[in-house]
Amino acid sequence: MTISEAAFHDIVRVWLTDCVGAGNLTHEPTLRTGREPDFLAEGSLATWAVEVENDADSLTDGFGQARLYAKHATEYVPLLVLPPVKASSRRELALLRDDVRIVELDPGTGDVLSGP
């Protein structure tokens, strides 16, 4: 399923709001380092710097962005949210999960398909 970036951001926003509450979610904040994650989600156990990719083929690009948040702002936990990854990318996804929390979100239903 192909989905626009804006539409997928809206789906992710709903999911994150359910997770942390609307008052704990900021869209496209500027971190003190100048980086701009798509969302900053302040949960009870951690503050997540969230990178959203609307295309599962952008797995490695999103991974790199999320890692930059962790390198530049150690108080944030990097989180990458993307649509389901193709079967051919499953091995790569498993390897990347060693360094970054990754959630696969169904763009049709907003359900979490895999993740932390």
PDB file of N, CA and C in Angstrom:
ATOM      1  N   MET A   1       0.841  -1.182   0.000  1.00  0.00           N
ATOM      2  CA  MET A   1       0.000   0.000   0.000  1.00  0.00           C
ATOM      3  C   MET A   1       0.886   1.247   0.000  1.00  0.00           C
ATOM      4  N   THR A   2       0.643   2.135  -0.949  1.00  0.00           N
ATOM      5  CA  THR A   2       1.378   3.389  -1.021  1.00  0.00           C
ATOM      6  C   THR A   2       0.576   4.463  -0.286  1.00  0.00           C
ATOM      7  N   ILE A   3       1.274   5.248   0.513  1.00  0.00           N
ATOM      8  CA  ILE A   3       0.625   6.301   1.291  1.00  0.00           C
ATOM      9  C   ILE A   3       1.527   7.533   1.281  1.00  0.00           C
ATOM     10  N   SER A   4       0.915   8.697   1.237  1.00  0.00           N
ATOM     11  CA  SER A   4       1.709   9.928   1.231  1.00  0.00           C
ATOM     12  C   SER A   4       2.340  10.145   2.601  1.00  0.00           C
ATOM     13  N   GLU A   5       3.385  10.950   2.599  1.00  0.00           N
ATOM     14  CA  GLU A   5       4.071  11.246   3.859  1.00  0.00           C
ATOM     15  C   GLU A   5       3.127  11.933   4.848  1.00  0.00           C
ATOM     16  N   ALA A   6       2.367  12.909   4.372  1.00  0.00           N
ATOM     17  CA  ALA A   6       1.451  13.641   5.260  1.00  0.00           C
ATOM     18  C   ALA A   6       0.387  12.712   5.844  1.00  0.00           C
ATOM     19  N   ALA A   7      -0.165  11.838   5.022  1.00  0.00           N
ATOM     20  CA  ALA A   7      -1.196  10.909   5.501  1.00  0.00           C
ATOM     21  C   ALA A   7      -0.620   9.933   6.522  1.00  0.00           C
ATOM     22  N   PHE A   8       0.601   9.443   6.278  1.00  0.00           N
ATOM     23  CA  PHE A   8       1.198   8.500   7.225  1.00  0.00           C
ATOM     24  C   PHE A   8       1.565   9.213   8.530  1.00  0.00           C
ATOM     25  N   HIS A   9       2.008  10.458   8.442  1.00  0.00           N
ATOM     26  CA  HIS A   9       2.286  11.245   9.657  1.00  0.00           C
ATOM     27  C   HIS A   9       1.025  11.350  10.520  1.00  0.00           C
ATOM     28  N   ASP A  10      -0.125  11.559   9.875  1.00  0.00           N
ATOM     29  CA  ASP A  10      -1.383  11.654  10.620  1.00  0.00           C
ATOM     30  C   ASP A  10      -1.697  10.352  11.348  1.00  0.00           C
ATOM     31  N   ILE A  11      -1.458   9.221  10.690  1.00  0.00           N
ATOM     32  CA  ILE A  11      -1.696   7.908  11.302  1.00  0.00           C
ATOM     33  C   ILE A  11      -0.743   7.702  12.475  1.00  0.00           C
ATOM     34  N   VAL A  12       0.517   8.057  12.275  1.00  0.00           N
ATOM     35  CA  VAL A  12       1.508   7.913  13.344  1.00  0.00           C
ATOM     36  C   VAL A  12       1.165   8.834  14.512  1.00  0.00           C
ATOM     37  N   ARG A  13       0.707  10.040  14.216  1.00  0.00           N
ATOM     38  CA  ARG A  13       0.328  10.990  15.275  1.00  0.00           C
ATOM     39  C   ARG A  13      -0.771  10.392  16.162  1.00  0.00           C
ATOM     40  N   VAL A  14      -1.775   9.770  15.550  1.00  0.00           N
ATOM     41  CA  VAL A  14      -2.862   9.146  16.320  1.00  0.00           C
ATOM     42  C   VAL A  14      -2.305   8.041  17.206  1.00  0.00           C
ATOM     43  N   TRP A  15      -1.447   7.195  16.648  1.00  0.00           N
ATOM     44  CA  TRP A  15      -0.857   6.092  17.415  1.00  0.00           C
ATOM     45  C   TRP A  15      -0.024   6.624  18.582  1.00  0.00           C
ATOM     46  N   LEU A  16       0.828   7.621  18.309  1.00  0.00           N
ATOM     47  CA  LEU A  16       1.664   8.183  19.371  1.00  0.00           C
ATOM     48  C   LEU A  16       0.822   8.861  20.449  1.00  0.00           C
ATOM     49  N   THR A  17      -0.238   9.548  20.044  1.00  0.00           N
ATOM     50  CA  THR A  17      -1.128  10.187  21.008  1.00  0.00           C
ATOM     51  C   THR A  17      -1.761   9.144  21.919  1.00  0.00           C
ATOM     52  N   ASP A  18      -2.154   8.013  21.349  1.00  0.00           N
ATOM     53  CA  ASP A  18      -2.692   6.918  22.165  1.00  0.00           C
ATOM     54  C   ASP A  18      -1.643   6.404  23.149  1.00  0.00           C
ATOM     55  N   CYS A  19      -0.381   6.422  22.738  1.00  0.00           N
ATOM     56  CA  CYS A  19       0.707   5.903  23.583  1.00  0.00           C
ATOM     57  C   CYS A  19       1.097   6.857  24.706  1.00  0.00           C
ATOM     58  N   VAL A  20       1.209   8.155  24.402  1.00  0.00           N
ATOM     59  CA  VAL A  20       1.765   9.097  25.387  1.00  0.00           C
ATOM     60  C   VAL A  20       0.823  10.235  25.776  1.00  0.00           C
ATOM     61  N   GLY A  21      -0.284  10.394  25.076  1.00  0.00           N
ATOM     62  CA  GLY A  21      -1.198  11.500  25.352  1.00  0.00           C
ATOM     63  C   GLY A  21      -0.867  12.714  24.502  1.00  0.00           C
ATOM     64  N   ALA A  22      -1.897  13.445  24.105  1.00  0.00           N
ATOM     65  CA  ALA A  22      -1.718  14.590  23.203  1.00  0.00           C
ATOM     66  C   ALA A  22      -0.807  15.662  23.780  1.00  0.00           C
ATOM     67  N   GLY A  23      -0.866  15.874  25.082  1.00  0.00           N
ATOM     68  CA  GLY A  23      -0.040  16.900  25.710  1.00  0.00           C
ATOM     69  C   GLY A  23       1.433  16.551  25.783  1.00  0.00           C
ATOM     70  N   ASN A  24       1.768  15.318  25.473  1.00  0.00           N
ATOM     71  CA  ASN A  24       3.158  14.856  25.542  1.00  0.00           C
ATOM     72  C   ASN A  24       3.765  14.610  24.168  1.00  0.00           C
ATOM     73  N   LEU A  25       3.125  15.142  23.133  1.00  0.00           N
ATOM     74  CA  LEU A  25       3.576  14.912  21.764  1.00  0.00           C
ATOM     75  C   LEU A  25       3.809  16.244  21.063  1.00  0.00           C
ATOM     76  N   THR A  26       4.991  16.401  20.484  1.00  0.00           N
ATOM     77  CA  THR A  26       5.332  17.610  19.733  1.00  0.00           C
ATOM     78  C   THR A  26       5.690  17.202  18.312  1.00  0.00           C
ATOM     79  N   HIS A  27       5.123  17.911  17.337  1.00  0.00           N
ATOM     80  CA  HIS A  27       5.391  17.623  15.927  1.00  0.00           C
ATOM     81  C   HIS A  27       6.524  18.510  15.427  1.00  0.00           C
ATOM     82  N   GLU A  28       7.521  17.900  14.840  1.00  0.00           N
ATOM     83  CA  GLU A  28       8.679  18.562  14.237  1.00  0.00           C
ATOM     84  C   GLU A  28       9.338  19.613  15.144  1.00  0.00           C
ATOM     85  N   PRO A  29       9.729  19.222  16.349  1.00  0.00           N
ATOM     86  CA  PRO A  29      10.441  20.160  17.216  1.00  0.00           C
ATOM     87  C   PRO A  29      11.886  20.328  16.756  1.00  0.00           C
ATOM     88  N   THR A  30      12.498  21.423  17.122  1.00  0.00           N
ATOM     89  CA  THR A  30      13.920  21.605  16.864  1.00  0.00           C
ATOM     90  C   THR A  30      14.666  21.280  18.149  1.00  0.00           C
ATOM     91  N   LEU A  31      15.513  20.261  18.091  1.00  0.00           N
ATOM     92  CA  LEU A  31      16.306  19.876  19.251  1.00  0.00           C
ATOM     93  C   LEU A  31      17.410  20.904  19.456  1.00  0.00           C
ATOM     94  N   ARG A  32      18.010  20.920  20.618  1.00  0.00           N
ATOM     95  CA  ARG A  32      19.069  21.896  20.909  1.00  0.00           C
ATOM     96  C   ARG A  32      20.252  21.761  19.958  1.00  0.00           C
ATOM     97  N   THR A  33      20.371  20.609  19.309  1.00  0.00           N
ATOM     98  CA  THR A  33      21.456  20.380  18.355  1.00  0.00           C
ATOM     99  C   THR A  33      21.101  20.849  16.947  1.00  0.00           C
ATOM    100  N   GLY A  34      19.848  21.285  16.755  1.00  0.00           N
ATOM    101  CA  GLY A  34      19.412  21.725  15.439  1.00  0.00           C
ATOM    102  C   GLY A  34      18.699  20.647  14.637  1.00  0.00           C
ATOM    103  N   ARG A  35      18.776  19.399  15.059  1.00  0.00           N
ATOM    104  CA  ARG A  35      18.081  18.309  14.365  1.00  0.00           C
ATOM    105  C   ARG A  35      16.579  18.455  14.582  1.00  0.00           C
ATOM    106  N   GLU A  36      15.780  17.978  13.622  1.00  0.00           N
ATOM    107  CA  GLU A  36      14.327  18.058  13.726  1.00  0.00           C
ATOM    108  C   GLU A  36      13.700  16.693  13.496  1.00  0.00           C
ATOM    109  N   PRO A  37      13.421  15.955  14.568  1.00  0.00           N
ATOM    110  CA  PRO A  37      12.702  14.696  14.388  1.00  0.00           C
ATOM    111  C   PRO A  37      11.260  14.999  13.968  1.00  0.00           C
ATOM    112  N   ASP A  38      10.592  14.009  13.410  1.00  0.00           N
ATOM    113  CA  ASP A  38       9.201  14.219  13.017  1.00  0.00           C
ATOM    114  C   ASP A  38       8.314  14.446  14.238  1.00  0.00           C
ATOM    115  N   PHE A  39       8.599  13.718  15.316  1.00  0.00           N
ATOM    116  CA  PHE A  39       7.853  13.885  16.561  1.00  0.00           C
ATOM    117  C   PHE A  39       8.796  13.737  17.739  1.00  0.00           C
ATOM    118  N   LEU A  40       8.434  14.362  18.846  1.00  0.00           N
ATOM    119  CA  LEU A  40       9.062  14.114  20.134  1.00  0.00           C
ATOM    120  C   LEU A  40       7.927  13.653  21.044  1.00  0.00           C
ATOM    121  N   ALA A  41       8.040  12.425  21.551  1.00  0.00           N
ATOM    122  CA  ALA A  41       6.984  11.826  22.367  1.00  0.00           C
ATOM    123  C   ALA A  41       7.522  11.585  23.772  1.00  0.00           C
ATOM    124  N   GLU A  42       6.966  12.285  24.744  1.00  0.00           N
ATOM    125  CA  GLU A  42       7.428  12.188  26.129  1.00  0.00           C
ATOM    126  C   GLU A  42       6.585  11.163  26.879  1.00  0.00           C
ATOM    127  N   GLY A  43       7.151   9.957  27.039  1.00  0.00           N
ATOM    128  CA  GLY A  43       6.471   8.892  27.759  1.00  0.00           C
ATOM    129  C   GLY A  43       6.898   8.852  29.211  1.00  0.00           C
ATOM    130  N   SER A  44       6.322   7.945  29.972  1.00  0.00           N
ATOM    131  CA  SER A  44       6.637   7.852  31.399  1.00  0.00           C
ATOM    132  C   SER A  44       8.033   7.291  31.645  1.00  0.00           C
ATOM    133  N   LEU A  45       8.538   6.471  30.736  1.00  0.00           N
ATOM    134  CA  LEU A  45       9.856   5.860  30.923  1.00  0.00           C
ATOM    135  C   LEU A  45      10.949   6.469  30.054  1.00  0.00           C
ATOM    136  N   ALA A  46      10.559   7.135  28.971  1.00  0.00           N
ATOM    137  CA  ALA A  46      11.559   7.685  28.048  1.00  0.00           C
ATOM    138  C   ALA A  46      10.926   8.775  27.196  1.00  0.00           C
ATOM    139  N   THR A  47      11.782   9.604  26.614  1.00  0.00           N
ATOM    140  CA  THR A  47      11.352  10.563  25.608  1.00  0.00           C
ATOM    141  C   THR A  47      11.878  10.065  24.273  1.00  0.00           C
ATOM    142  N   TRP A  48      10.973   9.882  23.342  1.00  0.00           N
ATOM    143  CA  TRP A  48      11.293   9.282  22.052  1.00  0.00           C
ATOM    144  C   TRP A  48      11.449  10.356  20.983  1.00  0.00           C
ATOM    145  N   ALA A  49      12.558  10.332  20.266  1.00  0.00           N
ATOM    146  CA  ALA A  49      12.751  11.156  19.076  1.00  0.00           C
ATOM    147  C   ALA A  49      12.352  10.272  17.903  1.00  0.00           C
ATOM    148  N   VAL A  50      11.243  10.621  17.262  1.00  0.00           N
ATOM    149  CA  VAL A  50      10.598   9.736  16.298  1.00  0.00           C
ATOM    150  C   VAL A  50      10.854  10.193  14.867  1.00  0.00           C
ATOM    151  N   GLU A  51      11.366   9.287  14.062  1.00  0.00           N
ATOM    152  CA  GLU A  51      11.520   9.495  12.621  1.00  0.00           C
ATOM    153  C   GLU A  51      10.446   8.658  11.934  1.00  0.00           C
ATOM    154  N   VAL A  52       9.702   9.269  11.016  1.00  0.00           N
ATOM    155  CA  VAL A  52       8.633   8.580  10.299  1.00  0.00           C
ATOM    156  C   VAL A  52       9.017   8.478   8.830  1.00  0.00           C
ATOM    157  N   GLU A  53       8.928   7.292   8.279  1.00  0.00           N
ATOM    158  CA  GLU A  53       9.136   7.074   6.847  1.00  0.00           C
ATOM    159  C   GLU A  53       7.856   6.476   6.285  1.00  0.00           C
ATOM    160  N   ASN A  54       7.312   7.070   5.231  1.00  0.00           N
ATOM    161  CA  ASN A  54       6.075   6.563   4.649  1.00  0.00           C
ATOM    162  C   ASN A  54       6.317   5.464   3.627  1.00  0.00           C
ATOM    163  N   ASP A  55       7.571   5.117   3.401  1.00  0.00           N
ATOM    164  CA  ASP A  55       7.940   4.111   2.414  1.00  0.00           C
ATOM    165  C   ASP A  55       8.909   3.138   3.071  1.00  0.00           C
ATOM    166  N   ALA A  56       8.526   1.878   3.141  1.00  0.00           N
ATOM    167  CA  ALA A  56       9.382   0.887   3.799  1.00  0.00           C
ATOM    168  C   ALA A  56      10.731   0.747   3.104  1.00  0.00           C
ATOM    169  N   ASP A  57      10.822   1.160   1.835  1.00  0.00           N
ATOM    170  CA  ASP A  57      12.110   1.114   1.135  1.00  0.00           C
ATOM    171  C   ASP A  57      13.097   2.123   1.721  1.00  0.00           C
ATOM    172  N   SER A  58      12.611   3.056   2.513  1.00  0.00           N
ATOM    173  CA  SER A  58      13.466   4.068   3.143  1.00  0.00           C
ATOM    174  C   SER A  58      13.959   3.614   4.512  1.00  0.00           C
ATOM    175  N   LEU A  59      13.963   2.321   4.746  1.00  0.00           N
ATOM    176  CA  LEU A  59      14.362   1.756   6.033  1.00  0.00           C
ATOM    177  C   LEU A  59      15.724   2.264   6.476  1.00  0.00           C
ATOM    178  N   THR A  60      16.722   2.190   5.604  1.00  0.00           N
ATOM    179  CA  THR A  60      18.071   2.582   6.017  1.00  0.00           C
ATOM    180  C   THR A  60      18.193   4.099   6.172  1.00  0.00           C
ATOM    181  N   ASP A  61      17.473   4.873   5.362  1.00  0.00           N
ATOM    182  CA  ASP A  61      17.496   6.332   5.525  1.00  0.00           C
ATOM    183  C   ASP A  61      16.903   6.728   6.873  1.00  0.00           C
ATOM    184  N   GLY A  62      15.760   6.154   7.198  1.00  0.00           N
ATOM    185  CA  GLY A  62      15.119   6.448   8.473  1.00  0.00           C
ATOM    186  C   GLY A  62      15.957   5.991   9.649  1.00  0.00           C
ATOM    187  N   PHE A  63      16.608   4.846   9.489  1.00  0.00           N
ATOM    188  CA  PHE A  63      17.496   4.330  10.529  1.00  0.00           C
ATOM    189  C   PHE A  63      18.617   5.331  10.798  1.00  0.00           C
ATOM    190  N   GLY A  64      19.215   5.846   9.728  1.00  0.00           N
ATOM    191  CA  GLY A  64      20.306   6.815   9.871  1.00  0.00           C
ATOM    192  C   GLY A  64      19.852   8.080  10.578  1.00  0.00           C
ATOM    193  N   GLN A  65      18.681   8.574  10.215  1.00  0.00           N
ATOM    194  CA  GLN A  65      18.146   9.771  10.881  1.00  0.00           C
ATOM    195  C   GLN A  65      17.923   9.501  12.369  1.00  0.00           C
ATOM    196  N   ALA A  66      17.314   8.366  12.678  1.00  0.00           N
ATOM    197  CA  ALA A  66      17.043   8.036  14.079  1.00  0.00           C
ATOM    198  C   ALA A  66      18.338   7.918  14.880  1.00  0.00           C
ATOM    199  N   ARG A  67      19.360   7.335  14.280  1.00  0.00           N
ATOM    200  CA  ARG A  67      20.658   7.211  14.965  1.00  0.00           C
ATOM    201  C   ARG A  67      21.265   8.584  15.232  1.00  0.00           C
ATOM    202  N   LEU A  68      21.082   9.513  14.311  1.00  0.00           N
ATOM    203  CA  LEU A  68      21.593  10.868  14.521  1.00  0.00           C
ATOM    204  C   LEU A  68      20.949  11.514  15.740  1.00  0.00           C
ATOM    205  N   TYR A  69      19.666  11.279  15.954  1.00  0.00           N
ATOM    206  CA  TYR A  69      19.009  11.850  17.139  1.00  0.00           C
ATOM    207  C   TYR A  69      19.677  11.334  18.403  1.00  0.00           C
ATOM    208  N   ALA A  70      19.990  10.053  18.419  1.00  0.00           N
ATOM    209  CA  ALA A  70      20.629   9.455  19.601  1.00  0.00           C
ATOM    210  C   ALA A  70      22.041   9.995  19.794  1.00  0.00           C
ATOM    211  N   LYS A  71      22.752  10.229  18.707  1.00  0.00           N
ATOM    212  CA  LYS A  71      24.128  10.730  18.804  1.00  0.00           C
ATOM    213  C   LYS A  71      24.176  12.191  19.245  1.00  0.00           C
ATOM    214  N   HIS A  72      23.223  12.981  18.783  1.00  0.00           N
ATOM    215  CA  HIS A  72      23.231  14.413  19.069  1.00  0.00           C
ATOM    216  C   HIS A  72      22.482  14.794  20.336  1.00  0.00           C
ATOM    217  N   ALA A  73      21.584  13.941  20.779  1.00  0.00           N
ATOM    218  CA  ALA A  73      20.786  14.259  21.963  1.00  0.00           C
ATOM    219  C   ALA A  73      20.584  12.974  22.761  1.00  0.00           C
ATOM    220  N   THR A  74      21.525  12.691  23.630  1.00  0.00           N
ATOM    221  CA  THR A  74      21.536  11.403  24.328  1.00  0.00           C
ATOM    222  C   THR A  74      20.346  11.207  25.261  1.00  0.00           C
ATOM    223  N   GLU A  75      19.622  12.269  25.577  1.00  0.00           N
ATOM    224  CA  GLU A  75      18.468  12.105  26.453  1.00  0.00           C
ATOM    225  C   GLU A  75      17.242  11.549  25.726  1.00  0.00           C
ATOM    226  N   TYR A  76      17.325  11.401  24.397  1.00  0.00           N
ATOM    227  CA  TYR A  76      16.215  10.880  23.611  1.00  0.00           C
ATOM    228  C   TYR A  76      16.505   9.470  23.121  1.00  0.00           C
ATOM    229  N   VAL A  77      15.468   8.656  23.122  1.00  0.00           N
ATOM    230  CA  VAL A  77      15.567   7.306  22.566  1.00  0.00           C
ATOM    231  C   VAL A  77      15.084   7.383  21.118  1.00  0.00           C
ATOM    232  N   PRO A  78      15.883   6.921  20.154  1.00  0.00           N
ATOM    233  CA  PRO A  78      15.452   6.994  18.764  1.00  0.00           C
ATOM    234  C   PRO A  78      14.395   5.939  18.453  1.00  0.00           C
ATOM    235  N   LEU A  79      13.395   6.336  17.682  1.00  0.00           N
ATOM    236  CA  LEU A  79      12.331   5.438  17.259  1.00  0.00           C
ATOM    237  C   LEU A  79      12.040   5.699  15.791  1.00  0.00           C
ATOM    238  N   LEU A  80      12.026   4.650  14.998  1.00  0.00           N
ATOM    239  CA  LEU A  80      11.690   4.726  13.577  1.00  0.00           C
ATOM    240  C   LEU A  80      10.343   4.058  13.379  1.00  0.00           C
ATOM    241  N   VAL A  81       9.401   4.760  12.737  1.00  0.00           N
ATOM    242  CA  VAL A  81       8.082   4.207  12.439  1.00  0.00           C
ATOM    243  C   VAL A  81       7.920   4.193  10.927  1.00  0.00           C
ATOM    244  N   LEU A  82       7.535   3.041  10.380  1.00  0.00           N
ATOM    245  CA  LEU A  82       7.372   2.904   8.949  1.00  0.00           C
ATOM    246  C   LEU A  82       6.315   1.855   8.643  1.00  0.00           C
ATOM    247  N   PRO A  83       5.819   1.834   7.381  1.00  0.00           N
ATOM    248  CA  PRO A  83       4.867   0.802   6.978  1.00  0.00           C
ATOM    249  C   PRO A  83       5.552  -0.566   6.950  1.00  0.00           C
ATOM    250  N   PRO A  84       4.796  -1.626   6.739  1.00  0.00           N
ATOM    251  CA  PRO A  84       5.384  -2.969   6.729  1.00  0.00           C
ATOM    252  C   PRO A  84       6.550  -3.093   5.748  1.00  0.00           C
ATOM    253  N   VAL A  85       7.591  -3.764   6.200  1.00  0.00           N
ATOM    254  CA  VAL A  85       8.788  -3.990   5.396  1.00  0.00           C
ATOM    255  C   VAL A  85       8.582  -5.244   4.556  1.00  0.00           C
ATOM    256  N   LYS A  86       9.083  -5.223   3.330  1.00  0.00           N
ATOM    257  CA  LYS A  86       8.977  -6.389   2.445  1.00  0.00           C
ATOM    258  C   LYS A  86       9.732  -7.578   3.027  1.00  0.00           C
ATOM    259  N   ALA A  87       9.293  -8.746   2.651  1.00  0.00           N
ATOM    260  CA  ALA A  87       9.941  -9.975   3.133  1.00  0.00           C
ATOM    261  C   ALA A  87      11.433  -9.971   2.830  1.00  0.00           C
ATOM    262  N   SER A  88      11.820  -9.407   1.695  1.00  0.00           N
ATOM    263  CA  SER A  88      13.233  -9.395   1.308  1.00  0.00           C
ATOM    264  C   SER A  88      14.081  -8.496   2.213  1.00  0.00           C
ATOM    265  N   SER A  89      13.448  -7.614   2.971  1.00  0.00           N
ATOM    266  CA  SER A  89      14.177  -6.700   3.865  1.00  0.00           C
ATOM    267  C   SER A  89      14.112  -7.131   5.328  1.00  0.00           C
ATOM    268  N   ARG A  90      13.494  -8.259   5.618  1.00  0.00           N
ATOM    269  CA  ARG A  90      13.318  -8.710   7.007  1.00  0.00           C
ATOM    270  C   ARG A  90      14.646  -8.912   7.727  1.00  0.00           C
ATOM    271  N   ARG A  91      15.627  -9.492   7.050  1.00  0.00           N
ATOM    272  CA  ARG A  91      16.922  -9.740   7.694  1.00  0.00           C
ATOM    273  C   ARG A  91      17.589  -8.412   8.077  1.00  0.00           C
ATOM    274  N   GLU A  92      17.559  -7.465   7.141  1.00  0.00           N
ATOM    275  CA  GLU A  92      18.133  -6.142   7.406  1.00  0.00           C
ATOM    276  C   GLU A  92      17.393  -5.457   8.560  1.00  0.00           C
ATOM    277  N   LEU A  93      16.078  -5.569   8.579  1.00  0.00           N
ATOM    278  CA  LEU A  93      15.287  -4.987   9.658  1.00  0.00           C
ATOM    279  C   LEU A  93      15.708  -5.555  11.008  1.00  0.00           C
ATOM    280  N   ALA A  94      15.898  -6.854  11.069  1.00  0.00           N
ATOM    281  CA  ALA A  94      16.311  -7.498  12.325  1.00  0.00           C
ATOM    282  C   ALA A  94      17.668  -6.976  12.792  1.00  0.00           C
ATOM    283  N   LEU A  95      18.586  -6.776  11.865  1.00  0.00           N
ATOM    284  CA  LEU A  95      19.909  -6.255  12.223  1.00  0.00           C
ATOM    285  C   LEU A  95      19.825  -4.816  12.735  1.00  0.00           C
ATOM    286  N   LEU A  96      19.023  -4.002  12.091  1.00  0.00           N
ATOM    287  CA  LEU A  96      18.903  -2.597  12.480  1.00  0.00           C
ATOM    288  C   LEU A  96      18.228  -2.441  13.833  1.00  0.00           C
ATOM    289  N   ARG A  97      17.362  -3.386  14.172  1.00  0.00           N
ATOM    290  CA  ARG A  97      16.671  -3.323  15.469  1.00  0.00           C
ATOM    291  C   ARG A  97      17.629  -3.471  16.642  1.00  0.00           C
ATOM    292  N   ASP A  98      18.850  -3.927  16.386  1.00  0.00           N
ATOM    293  CA  ASP A  98      19.841  -3.998  17.461  1.00  0.00           C
ATOM    294  C   ASP A  98      20.238  -2.606  17.949  1.00  0.00           C
ATOM    295  N   ASP A  99      20.070  -1.584  17.094  1.00  0.00           N
ATOM    296  CA  ASP A  99      20.521  -0.225  17.418  1.00  0.00           C
ATOM    297  C   ASP A  99      19.409   0.803  17.582  1.00  0.00           C
ATOM    298  N   VAL A 100      18.268   0.572  16.951  1.00  0.00           N
ATOM    299  CA  VAL A 100      17.178   1.546  16.968  1.00  0.00           C
ATOM    300  C   VAL A 100      15.856   0.807  17.168  1.00  0.00           C
ATOM    301  N   ARG A 101      14.986   1.371  17.989  1.00  0.00           N
ATOM    302  CA  ARG A 101      13.639   0.808  18.118  1.00  0.00           C
ATOM    303  C   ARG A 101      12.915   1.087  16.809  1.00  0.00           C
ATOM    304  N   ILE A 102      12.295   0.058  16.238  1.00  0.00           N
ATOM    305  CA  ILE A 102      11.585   0.196  14.970  1.00  0.00           C
ATOM    306  C   ILE A 102      10.185  -0.378  15.131  1.00  0.00           C
ATOM    307  N   VAL A 103       9.194   0.400  14.689  1.00  0.00           N
ATOM    308  CA  VAL A 103       7.806  -0.039  14.714  1.00  0.00           C
ATOM    309  C   VAL A 103       7.287  -0.055  13.283  1.00  0.00           C
ATOM    310  N   GLU A 104       6.680  -1.169  12.901  1.00  0.00           N
ATOM    311  CA  GLU A 104       5.976  -1.250  11.624  1.00  0.00           C
ATOM    312  C   GLU A 104       4.502  -1.010  11.920  1.00  0.00           C
ATOM    313  N   LEU A 105       3.947   0.012  11.285  1.00  0.00           N
ATOM    314  CA  LEU A 105       2.566   0.416  11.521  1.00  0.00           C
ATOM    315  C   LEU A 105       1.772   0.213  10.237  1.00  0.00           C
ATOM    316  N   ASP A 106       0.643  -0.458  10.337  1.00  0.00           N
ATOM    317  CA  ASP A 106      -0.210  -0.685   9.171  1.00  0.00           C
ATOM    318  C   ASP A 106      -0.857   0.637   8.774  1.00  0.00           C
ATOM    319  N   PRO A 107      -0.593   1.142   7.558  1.00  0.00           N
ATOM    320  CA  PRO A 107      -1.154   2.431   7.165  1.00  0.00           C
ATOM    321  C   PRO A 107      -2.668   2.391   6.957  1.00  0.00           C
ATOM    322  N   GLY A 108      -3.224   1.200   6.770  1.00  0.00           N
ATOM    323  CA  GLY A 108      -4.668   1.086   6.576  1.00  0.00           C
ATOM    324  C   GLY A 108      -5.454   1.101   7.871  1.00  0.00           C
ATOM    325  N   THR A 109      -4.895   0.478   8.908  1.00  0.00           N
ATOM    326  CA  THR A 109      -5.619   0.342  10.174  1.00  0.00           C
ATOM    327  C   THR A 109      -4.990   1.119  11.325  1.00  0.00           C
ATOM    328  N   GLY A 110      -3.717   1.480  11.197  1.00  0.00           N
ATOM    329  CA  GLY A 110      -3.001   2.128  12.295  1.00  0.00           C
ATOM    330  C   GLY A 110      -2.535   1.153  13.355  1.00  0.00           C
ATOM    331  N   ASP A 111      -2.682  -0.143  13.082  1.00  0.00           N
ATOM    332  CA  ASP A 111      -2.264  -1.171  14.038  1.00  0.00           C
ATOM    333  C   ASP A 111      -0.761  -1.395  13.982  1.00  0.00           C
ATOM    334  N   VAL A 112      -0.168  -1.680  15.139  1.00  0.00           N
ATOM    335  CA  VAL A 112       1.245  -2.037  15.203  1.00  0.00           C
ATOM    336  C   VAL A 112       1.388  -3.476  14.721  1.00  0.00           C
ATOM    337  N   LEU A 113       2.224  -3.677  13.701  1.00  0.00           N
ATOM    338  CA  LEU A 113       2.461  -5.016  13.163  1.00  0.00           C
ATOM    339  C   LEU A 113       3.681  -5.658  13.797  1.00  0.00           C
ATOM    340  N   SER A 114       4.663  -4.846  14.137  1.00  0.00           N
ATOM    341  CA  SER A 114       5.842  -5.326  14.860  1.00  0.00           C
ATOM    342  C   SER A 114       6.512  -4.137  15.507  1.00  0.00           C
ATOM    343  N   GLY A 115       7.227  -4.404  16.569  1.00  0.00           N
ATOM    344  CA  GLY A 115       7.933  -3.318  17.224  1.00  0.00           C
ATOM    345  C   GLY A 115       8.238  -3.618  18.669  1.00  0.00           C
ATOM    346  N   PRO A 116       8.798  -2.599  19.325  1.00  0.00           N
ATOM    347  CA  PRO A 116       9.243  -2.820  20.707  1.00  0.00           C
ATOM    348  C   PRO A 116       8.095  -3.080  21.660  1.00  0.00           C
TER     349      PRO A 116
END
